[in-house]
C-alpha cells in the first residue's frame, strides 16, 4: 500500500513534535538538576568571608602593598 505525500508529511510532523516534547522534557530535568546543585553550594564557598580591617591596617596595605 502506498502512502500519500500528506500522510508522510503528517507522520514526519508527528515525529518532529514528539522529539520536541522529549527534548523539552530533557531540558526541564537538566535545569532542575542544575538548580538543585546550585542550591547545595554554600555562599561562603563562593564568597569567603573577609576579616574586617581597621583603618590603620588599610593604610598599611595601601602604603606597603600588603
Protein backbone atom coordinates (compact mmCIF):
# COMPACT_ATOMS: atom_id res chain seq x y z
CA UNK A 1 0.00 0.00 0.00
CA UNK A 2 1.41 3.40 -0.99
CA UNK A 3 1.41 6.31 1.41
CA UNK A 4 0.33 9.63 0.09
CA UNK A 5 2.56 12.65 0.37
CA UNK A 6 0.29 14.21 3.02
CA UNK A 7 0.41 11.00 5.10
CA UNK A 8 4.21 11.04 5.06
CA UNK A 9 4.24 14.74 5.86
CA UNK A 10 1.83 14.22 8.75
CA UNK A 11 3.92 11.32 10.01
CA UNK A 12 7.06 13.46 9.85
CA UNK A 13 5.30 16.29 11.71
CA UNK A 14 4.10 13.88 14.39
CA UNK A 15 7.63 12.52 14.81
CA UNK A 16 9.05 16.05 14.98
CA UNK A 17 6.53 17.09 17.63
CA UNK A 18 7.25 14.01 19.74
CA UNK A 19 11.01 14.69 19.52
CA UNK A 20 10.41 18.30 20.57
CA UNK A 21 8.45 17.09 23.60
CA UNK A 22 11.24 14.69 24.54
CA UNK A 23 13.86 17.42 24.18
CA UNK A 24 11.83 19.89 26.25
CA UNK A 25 11.40 17.31 29.00
CA UNK A 26 15.14 16.58 28.99
CA UNK A 27 15.92 20.31 29.16
CA UNK A 28 13.49 20.78 32.04
CA UNK A 29 15.01 17.91 34.00
CA UNK A 30 18.53 19.17 33.36
CA UNK A 31 17.59 22.68 34.51
CA UNK A 32 16.05 21.31 37.70
CA UNK A 33 19.18 19.25 38.37
CA UNK A 34 21.44 22.28 37.87
CA UNK A 35 19.26 24.45 40.12
CA UNK A 36 19.34 21.83 42.88
CA UNK A 37 23.14 21.56 42.59
CA UNK A 38 23.48 25.35 42.80
CA UNK A 39 21.24 25.44 45.88
CA UNK A 40 23.56 22.96 47.61
CA UNK A 41 26.54 25.32 47.26
CA UNK A 42 27.15 27.43 50.32
CA UNK A 43 27.57 31.16 49.93
CA UNK A 44 30.81 31.07 51.90
CA UNK A 45 32.34 28.74 49.31
CA UNK A 46 31.86 31.30 46.55
CA UNK A 47 32.39 34.44 48.61
CA UNK A 48 34.74 33.73 51.51
CA UNK A 49 34.24 35.99 54.49
CA UNK A 50 36.93 38.59 54.78
CA UNK A 51 38.17 39.87 58.09
CA UNK A 52 37.20 43.47 58.84
CA UNK A 53 40.28 45.64 58.62
CA UNK A 54 40.90 48.64 60.79
CA UNK A 55 41.66 51.99 59.23
CA UNK A 56 45.36 51.62 60.08
CA UNK A 57 45.52 48.17 58.53
CA UNK A 58 44.01 49.58 55.33
CA UNK A 59 46.53 52.44 55.30
CA UNK A 60 49.38 49.95 55.82
CA UNK A 61 48.15 47.86 52.89
CA UNK A 62 47.93 50.95 50.70
CA UNK A 63 51.42 52.13 51.62
CA UNK A 64 53.28 48.84 51.77
CA UNK A 65 51.23 46.84 49.30
CA UNK A 66 50.34 44.10 51.74
